[in-house]
Amino acid sequence: MQSSAAISYIPRGPRWACDFEVVFTDDRGQDLAGRVVNISEDGFMAESAARLPLYSVVSVTLPGRGPVRAEVRWAVDWRFGATILDD
């Protein structure tokens, strides 16, 4: 028996493991210590000194890429995933 709800899968690009400290600036201008633990062309997974709400925007300087703005797409406690925004 098949479900009437369609399951959609959005393919994502490869992730590269990393471990570097950063400072995130949240959308209120507050600086938060953090650590990026994996990165891709379009985003990253990180840990922050504070819990970040879904869809909040952070600014961060990524090694090899420079300053970016990113939107939080998921969060569990102090760990979150963010998509890099095209400005």
N, C-alpha and C. Protein backbone atom coordinates (compact mmCIF):
# COMPACT_ATOMS: atom_id res chain seq x y z
N MET A 1 0.83 -1.16 0.00
CA MET A 1 0.00 0.00 0.00
C MET A 1 0.88 1.24 0.00
N GLN A 2 0.54 2.20 -0.84
CA GLN A 2 1.33 3.40 -0.99
C GLN A 2 0.68 4.56 -0.25
N SER A 3 1.48 5.39 0.38
CA SER A 3 0.98 6.54 1.11
C SER A 3 0.60 7.64 0.13
N SER A 4 -0.41 8.41 0.50
CA SER A 4 -0.82 9.53 -0.36
C SER A 4 0.12 10.72 -0.20
N ALA A 5 0.89 10.74 0.88
CA ALA A 5 1.84 11.84 1.09
C ALA A 5 3.10 11.56 0.27
N ALA A 6 3.48 12.51 -0.52
CA ALA A 6 4.69 12.36 -1.33
C ALA A 6 5.91 12.64 -0.46
N ILE A 7 6.91 11.82 -0.60
CA ILE A 7 8.16 12.04 0.09
C ILE A 7 9.10 12.72 -0.88
N SER A 8 9.59 13.88 -0.47
CA SER A 8 10.51 14.59 -1.37
C SER A 8 11.92 14.54 -0.78
N TYR A 9 12.86 14.44 -1.65
CA TYR A 9 14.26 14.39 -1.27
C TYR A 9 14.98 15.49 -2.03
N ILE A 10 15.63 16.35 -1.29
CA ILE A 10 16.39 17.42 -1.91
C ILE A 10 17.86 17.05 -1.80
N PRO A 11 18.49 16.72 -2.93
CA PRO A 11 19.90 16.33 -2.86
C PRO A 11 20.75 17.51 -2.39
N ARG A 12 21.78 17.20 -1.63
CA ARG A 12 22.67 18.26 -1.17
C ARG A 12 24.09 17.91 -1.55
N GLY A 13 24.90 18.92 -1.65
CA GLY A 13 26.28 18.74 -2.04
C GLY A 13 27.11 18.11 -0.94
N PRO A 14 28.33 17.75 -1.27
CA PRO A 14 29.20 17.11 -0.29
C PRO A 14 29.55 18.05 0.86
N ARG A 15 29.78 17.45 2.02
CA ARG A 15 30.21 18.16 3.22
C ARG A 15 31.66 17.80 3.49
N TRP A 16 32.41 18.77 4.00
CA TRP A 16 33.80 18.53 4.37
C TRP A 16 33.94 18.77 5.87
N ALA A 17 34.45 17.77 6.55
CA ALA A 17 34.67 17.90 7.99
C ALA A 17 35.74 18.95 8.24
N CYS A 18 35.54 19.74 9.28
CA CYS A 18 36.51 20.75 9.68
C CYS A 18 36.32 21.00 11.16
N ASP A 19 37.14 21.82 11.72
CA ASP A 19 37.02 22.16 13.13
C ASP A 19 37.78 23.45 13.36
N PHE A 20 37.08 24.58 13.28
CA PHE A 20 37.74 25.85 13.53
C PHE A 20 36.82 26.78 14.29
N GLU A 21 37.44 27.60 15.13
CA GLU A 21 36.71 28.56 15.94
C GLU A 21 36.38 29.79 15.12
N VAL A 22 35.19 30.35 15.37
CA VAL A 22 34.74 31.56 14.68
C VAL A 22 33.99 32.43 15.67
N VAL A 23 33.68 33.64 15.25
CA VAL A 23 32.78 34.51 15.99
C VAL A 23 31.61 34.80 15.08
N PHE A 24 30.41 34.41 15.52
CA PHE A 24 29.19 34.72 14.79
C PHE A 24 28.65 36.04 15.28
N THR A 25 28.10 36.84 14.40
CA THR A 25 27.37 38.04 14.80
C THR A 25 25.93 37.79 14.44
N ASP A 26 25.04 37.82 15.46
CA ASP A 26 23.64 37.53 15.18
C ASP A 26 22.94 38.77 14.62
N ASP A 27 21.66 38.63 14.28
CA ASP A 27 20.95 39.72 13.62
C ASP A 27 20.63 40.89 14.56
N ARG A 28 21.01 40.77 15.84
CA ARG A 28 20.88 41.89 16.78
C ARG A 28 22.22 42.57 17.01
N GLY A 29 23.27 42.08 16.34
CA GLY A 29 24.60 42.66 16.48
C GLY A 29 25.42 42.07 17.62
N GLN A 30 24.92 41.01 18.26
CA GLN A 30 25.63 40.37 19.37
C GLN A 30 26.66 39.39 18.82
N ASP A 31 27.89 39.45 19.34
CA ASP A 31 28.94 38.50 18.95
C ASP A 31 28.83 37.25 19.80
N LEU A 32 28.92 36.08 19.15
CA LEU A 32 28.82 34.79 19.82
C LEU A 32 30.00 33.91 19.43
N ALA A 33 30.69 33.36 20.40
CA ALA A 33 31.78 32.42 20.10
C ALA A 33 31.17 31.16 19.51
N GLY A 34 31.88 30.56 18.55
CA GLY A 34 31.36 29.35 17.93
C GLY A 34 32.44 28.51 17.30
N ARG A 35 32.01 27.41 16.72
CA ARG A 35 32.92 26.46 16.07
C ARG A 35 32.19 25.89 14.87
N VAL A 36 32.83 25.90 13.71
CA VAL A 36 32.28 25.28 12.51
C VAL A 36 32.82 23.86 12.44
N VAL A 37 31.91 22.87 12.27
CA VAL A 37 32.34 21.47 12.30
C VAL A 37 32.22 20.76 10.95
N ASN A 38 31.44 21.32 10.03
CA ASN A 38 31.50 20.87 8.65
C ASN A 38 31.02 22.00 7.75
N ILE A 39 31.42 21.92 6.50
CA ILE A 39 31.15 23.01 5.58
C ILE A 39 30.89 22.45 4.19
N SER A 40 30.10 23.17 3.41
CA SER A 40 29.83 22.80 2.02
C SER A 40 29.85 24.08 1.19
N GLU A 41 29.60 23.94 -0.09
CA GLU A 41 29.53 25.12 -0.96
C GLU A 41 28.42 26.06 -0.52
N ASP A 42 27.32 25.50 -0.01
CA ASP A 42 26.13 26.29 0.28
C ASP A 42 25.87 26.56 1.75
N GLY A 43 26.62 25.96 2.66
CA GLY A 43 26.32 26.16 4.07
C GLY A 43 27.32 25.50 4.99
N PHE A 44 26.92 25.40 6.25
CA PHE A 44 27.79 24.81 7.25
C PHE A 44 26.98 24.32 8.44
N MET A 45 27.60 23.46 9.24
CA MET A 45 27.05 23.06 10.52
C MET A 45 28.00 23.60 11.58
N ALA A 46 27.43 24.14 12.65
CA ALA A 46 28.26 24.78 13.65
C ALA A 46 27.66 24.63 15.04
N GLU A 47 28.45 25.03 16.03
CA GLU A 47 28.01 25.13 17.41
C GLU A 47 28.22 26.57 17.83
N SER A 48 27.33 27.06 18.66
CA SER A 48 27.39 28.46 19.08
C SER A 48 27.29 28.55 20.59
N ALA A 49 27.78 29.65 21.16
CA ALA A 49 27.70 29.88 22.59
C ALA A 49 26.27 30.13 23.05
N ALA A 50 25.38 30.41 22.13
CA ALA A 50 23.97 30.64 22.45
C ALA A 50 23.09 29.88 21.47
N ARG A 51 21.90 29.53 21.89
CA ARG A 51 20.96 28.87 20.98
C ARG A 51 20.44 29.90 20.00
N LEU A 52 20.44 29.54 18.73
CA LEU A 52 19.98 30.45 17.69
C LEU A 52 18.61 30.00 17.19
N PRO A 53 17.67 30.93 17.06
CA PRO A 53 16.35 30.55 16.58
C PRO A 53 16.35 30.26 15.08
N LEU A 54 15.42 29.39 14.67
CA LEU A 54 15.27 29.10 13.25
C LEU A 54 15.07 30.37 12.46
N TYR A 55 15.66 30.41 11.28
CA TYR A 55 15.56 31.49 10.31
C TYR A 55 16.24 32.78 10.74
N SER A 56 16.97 32.76 11.85
CA SER A 56 17.76 33.94 12.19
C SER A 56 18.95 34.01 11.23
N VAL A 57 19.51 35.18 11.11
CA VAL A 57 20.63 35.40 10.19
C VAL A 57 21.87 35.72 11.01
N VAL A 58 22.98 35.07 10.67
CA VAL A 58 24.26 35.33 11.33
C VAL A 58 25.28 35.75 10.27
N SER A 59 26.25 36.51 10.72
CA SER A 59 27.40 36.86 9.89
C SER A 59 28.62 36.18 10.48
N VAL A 60 29.49 35.69 9.61
CA VAL A 60 30.69 35.00 10.07
C VAL A 60 31.74 35.07 8.97
N THR A 61 33.01 35.05 9.34
CA THR A 61 34.09 34.98 8.36
C THR A 61 34.58 33.53 8.32
N LEU A 62 34.47 32.92 7.13
CA LEU A 62 34.88 31.54 6.94
C LEU A 62 36.25 31.50 6.28
N PRO A 63 37.17 30.69 6.79
CA PRO A 63 38.49 30.57 6.17
C PRO A 63 38.37 30.16 4.71
N GLY A 64 39.11 30.81 3.86
CA GLY A 64 39.10 30.49 2.44
C GLY A 64 37.91 31.05 1.68
N ARG A 65 36.96 31.65 2.39
CA ARG A 65 35.77 32.19 1.73
C ARG A 65 35.53 33.64 2.08
N GLY A 66 35.92 34.03 3.29
CA GLY A 66 35.72 35.40 3.74
C GLY A 66 34.38 35.59 4.43
N PRO A 67 33.95 36.85 4.57
CA PRO A 67 32.72 37.13 5.31
C PRO A 67 31.48 36.68 4.53
N VAL A 68 30.55 36.04 5.24
CA VAL A 68 29.29 35.61 4.65
C VAL A 68 28.16 35.88 5.64
N ARG A 69 26.94 35.93 5.11
CA ARG A 69 25.73 35.94 5.92
C ARG A 69 25.05 34.61 5.68
N ALA A 70 24.47 34.03 6.72
CA ALA A 70 23.84 32.72 6.60
C ALA A 70 22.56 32.67 7.44
N GLU A 71 21.60 31.88 6.96
CA GLU A 71 20.33 31.71 7.65
C GLU A 71 20.28 30.36 8.34
N VAL A 72 19.89 30.35 9.61
CA VAL A 72 19.77 29.12 10.38
C VAL A 72 18.57 28.33 9.85
N ARG A 73 18.80 27.10 9.40
CA ARG A 73 17.74 26.25 8.83
C ARG A 73 17.29 25.16 9.78
N TRP A 74 18.15 24.75 10.70
CA TRP A 74 17.76 23.80 11.74
C TRP A 74 18.64 24.07 12.96
N ALA A 75 18.11 23.73 14.13
CA ALA A 75 18.87 23.93 15.37
C ALA A 75 18.45 22.89 16.40
N VAL A 76 19.44 22.32 17.07
CA VAL A 76 19.22 21.40 18.18
C VAL A 76 20.19 21.84 19.28
N ASP A 77 19.63 22.34 20.36
CA ASP A 77 20.42 22.91 21.45
C ASP A 77 21.37 23.98 20.88
N TRP A 78 22.67 23.78 21.04
CA TRP A 78 23.63 24.79 20.57
C TRP A 78 24.22 24.47 19.20
N ARG A 79 23.77 23.40 18.58
CA ARG A 79 24.25 23.03 17.25
C ARG A 79 23.22 23.47 16.22
N PHE A 80 23.69 23.96 15.08
CA PHE A 80 22.76 24.41 14.04
C PHE A 80 23.36 24.23 12.66
N GLY A 81 22.50 24.20 11.67
CA GLY A 81 22.90 24.18 10.28
C GLY A 81 22.42 25.46 9.62
N ALA A 82 23.24 26.02 8.76
CA ALA A 82 22.89 27.29 8.13
C ALA A 82 23.19 27.25 6.64
N THR A 83 22.35 27.93 5.88
CA THR A 83 22.54 28.09 4.44
C THR A 83 23.13 29.46 4.18
N ILE A 84 24.18 29.51 3.38
CA ILE A 84 24.82 30.79 3.05
C ILE A 84 23.91 31.55 2.10
N LEU A 85 23.66 32.81 2.43
CA LEU A 85 22.78 33.66 1.63
C LEU A 85 23.59 34.36 0.53
N ASP A 86 23.00 34.47 -0.64
CA ASP A 86 23.62 35.25 -1.71
C ASP A 86 23.16 36.68 -1.55
N ASP A 87 24.08 37.58 -1.37
CA ASP A 87 23.72 38.99 -1.21
C ASP A 87 23.75 39.71 -2.52
